[in-house]
Amino acid sequence: MMTFLKTILIILLVYFGLKFLVKLLTPYVMRYIAKKAGQKFEQAFGNNPFQPPKKEKEGSISIDKTPSSKTKSKSTVGEYVDYEEID
């Protein structure tokens, strides 16, 4: 009978101890996972878009050419029909 109670007590102690440790370590594990995901995202997509652009030396010239948008959008949806209402 005494060994049964010891076994139940050990099981409960292990259960509550693990439960406490999980609650204690969850923020650290989540922070680690978020950091790793951020690193993988940065590797996949390049630099941080929120990072300020690099300053150039004074007197240097840089030309940022934007593509010309000479696309003519003449999408014809349909034909215009003029109508009159008949009473």
C-alpha atoms as a PDB file:
ATOM      1  CA  MET A   1       0.000   0.000   0.000  1.00  0.00           C
ATOM      2  CA  MET A   2       2.843   2.395   0.840  1.00  0.00           C
ATOM      3  CA  THR A   3       4.633   1.811  -2.475  1.00  0.00           C
ATOM      4  CA  PHE A   4       1.400   2.604  -4.339  1.00  0.00           C
ATOM      5  CA  LEU A   5       1.121   5.965  -2.569  1.00  0.00           C
ATOM      6  CA  LYS A   6       4.797   6.711  -3.271  1.00  0.00           C
ATOM      7  CA  THR A   7       4.263   5.938  -6.955  1.00  0.00           C
ATOM      8  CA  ILE A   8       1.187   8.185  -7.162  1.00  0.00           C
ATOM      9  CA  LEU A   9       3.058  10.965  -5.342  1.00  0.00           C
ATOM     10  CA  ILE A  10       6.071  10.685  -7.687  1.00  0.00           C
ATOM     11  CA  ILE A  11       3.795  10.749 -10.748  1.00  0.00           C
ATOM     12  CA  LEU A  12       1.998  13.847  -9.468  1.00  0.00           C
ATOM     13  CA  LEU A  13       5.274  15.562  -8.583  1.00  0.00           C
ATOM     14  CA  VAL A  14       6.702  14.886 -12.053  1.00  0.00           C
ATOM     15  CA  TYR A  15       3.474  16.055 -13.721  1.00  0.00           C
ATOM     16  CA  PHE A  16       3.251  19.340 -11.824  1.00  0.00           C
ATOM     17  CA  GLY A  17       7.012  19.901 -12.093  1.00  0.00           C
ATOM     18  CA  LEU A  18       6.884  19.520 -15.877  1.00  0.00           C
ATOM     19  CA  LYS A  19       3.814  21.732 -16.056  1.00  0.00           C
ATOM     20  CA  PHE A  20       5.636  24.439 -14.085  1.00  0.00           C
ATOM     21  CA  LEU A  21       8.765  24.155 -16.241  1.00  0.00           C
ATOM     22  CA  VAL A  22       6.747  24.418 -19.452  1.00  0.00           C
ATOM     23  CA  LYS A  23       5.072  27.615 -18.221  1.00  0.00           C
ATOM     24  CA  LEU A  24       8.433  28.977 -17.157  1.00  0.00           C
ATOM     25  CA  LEU A  25      10.287  28.185 -20.397  1.00  0.00           C
ATOM     26  CA  THR A  26       7.549  28.956 -22.960  1.00  0.00           C
ATOM     27  CA  PRO A  27       8.470  32.653 -23.458  1.00  0.00           C
ATOM     28  CA  TYR A  28      12.117  31.796 -24.086  1.00  0.00           C
ATOM     29  CA  VAL A  29      11.256  29.048 -26.551  1.00  0.00           C
ATOM     30  CA  MET A  30       8.816  31.295 -28.419  1.00  0.00           C
ATOM     31  CA  ARG A  31      11.407  34.081 -28.594  1.00  0.00           C
ATOM     32  CA  TYR A  32      13.961  31.614 -29.995  1.00  0.00           C
ATOM     33  CA  ILE A  33      11.496  30.336 -32.605  1.00  0.00           C
ATOM     34  CA  ALA A  34      10.594  33.898 -33.645  1.00  0.00           C
ATOM     35  CA  LYS A  35      14.263  34.819 -33.976  1.00  0.00           C
ATOM     36  CA  LYS A  36      14.990  31.778 -36.135  1.00  0.00           C
ATOM     37  CA  ALA A  37      11.955  32.476 -38.338  1.00  0.00           C
ATOM     38  CA  GLY A  38      13.118  36.078 -38.751  1.00  0.00           C
ATOM     39  CA  GLN A  39      16.573  34.930 -39.777  1.00  0.00           C
ATOM     40  CA  LYS A  40      15.147  32.534 -42.352  1.00  0.00           C
ATOM     41  CA  PHE A  41      12.837  35.258 -43.673  1.00  0.00           C
ATOM     42  CA  GLU A  42      15.754  37.663 -43.977  1.00  0.00           C
ATOM     43  CA  GLN A  43      17.815  35.061 -45.830  1.00  0.00           C
ATOM     44  CA  ALA A  44      14.956  34.376 -48.212  1.00  0.00           C
ATOM     45  CA  PHE A  45      13.945  37.971 -48.949  1.00  0.00           C
ATOM     46  CA  GLY A  46      17.095  39.998 -48.442  1.00  0.00           C
ATOM     47  CA  ASN A  47      17.611  43.054 -46.314  1.00  0.00           C
ATOM     48  CA  ASN A  48      15.313  44.464 -43.713  1.00  0.00           C
ATOM     49  CA  PRO A  49      12.872  46.803 -45.513  1.00  0.00           C
ATOM     50  CA  PHE A  50      12.674  49.025 -42.432  1.00  0.00           C
ATOM     51  CA  GLN A  51      16.417  49.578 -42.390  1.00  0.00           C
ATOM     52  CA  PRO A  52      17.333  53.126 -43.453  1.00  0.00           C
ATOM     53  CA  PRO A  53      19.182  53.370 -46.774  1.00  0.00           C
ATOM     54  CA  LYS A  54      22.942  53.716 -46.681  1.00  0.00           C
ATOM     55  CA  LYS A  55      24.261  57.262 -46.814  1.00  0.00           C
ATOM     56  CA  GLU A  56      26.546  58.082 -49.704  1.00  0.00           C
ATOM     57  CA  LYS A  57      29.570  60.319 -49.550  1.00  0.00           C
ATOM     58  CA  GLU A  58      29.060  63.978 -50.236  1.00  0.00           C
ATOM     59  CA  GLY A  59      29.654  64.817 -53.881  1.00  0.00           C
ATOM     60  CA  SER A  60      28.870  61.357 -55.213  1.00  0.00           C
ATOM     61  CA  ILE A  61      26.142  61.062 -57.798  1.00  0.00           C
ATOM     62  CA  SER A  62      23.573  58.308 -57.909  1.00  0.00           C
ATOM     63  CA  ILE A  63      20.730  58.017 -60.378  1.00  0.00           C
ATOM     64  CA  ASP A  64      17.706  55.954 -59.496  1.00  0.00           C
ATOM     65  CA  LYS A  65      15.876  55.268 -62.722  1.00  0.00           C
ATOM     66  CA  THR A  66      12.237  54.417 -62.442  1.00  0.00           C
ATOM     67  CA  PRO A  67      10.676  52.468 -65.276  1.00  0.00           C
ATOM     68  CA  SER A  68       8.563  54.539 -67.595  1.00  0.00           C
ATOM     69  CA  SER A  69       4.907  53.697 -67.453  1.00  0.00           C
ATOM     70  CA  LYS A  70       3.782  54.172 -71.034  1.00  0.00           C
ATOM     71  CA  THR A  71       1.158  51.494 -70.885  1.00  0.00           C
ATOM     72  CA  LYS A  72      -1.939  52.562 -72.712  1.00  0.00           C
ATOM     73  CA  SER A  73      -4.980  51.190 -71.005  1.00  0.00           C
ATOM     74  CA  LYS A  74      -7.716  51.092 -73.593  1.00  0.00           C
ATOM     75  CA  SER A  75      -9.791  48.345 -72.190  1.00  0.00           C
ATOM     76  CA  THR A  76     -13.105  48.286 -73.987  1.00  0.00           C
ATOM     77  CA  VAL A  77     -15.759  46.870 -71.759  1.00  0.00           C
ATOM     78  CA  GLY A  78     -18.516  47.064 -74.268  1.00  0.00           C
ATOM     79  CA  GLU A  79     -20.398  49.213 -76.693  1.00  0.00           C
ATOM     80  CA  TYR A  80     -22.331  52.265 -75.526  1.00  0.00           C
ATOM     81  CA  VAL A  81     -26.015  52.032 -76.370  1.00  0.00           C
ATOM     82  CA  ASP A  82     -28.237  55.097 -76.250  1.00  0.00           C
ATOM     83  CA  TYR A  83     -31.809  54.239 -75.395  1.00  0.00           C
ATOM     84  CA  GLU A  84     -35.113  55.938 -74.677  1.00  0.00           C
ATOM     85  CA  GLU A  85     -37.783  54.797 -72.302  1.00  0.00           C
ATOM     86  CA  ILE A  86     -41.187  54.053 -73.847  1.00  0.00           C
ATOM     87  CA  ASP A  87     -44.307  54.524 -71.723  1.00  0.00           C
END
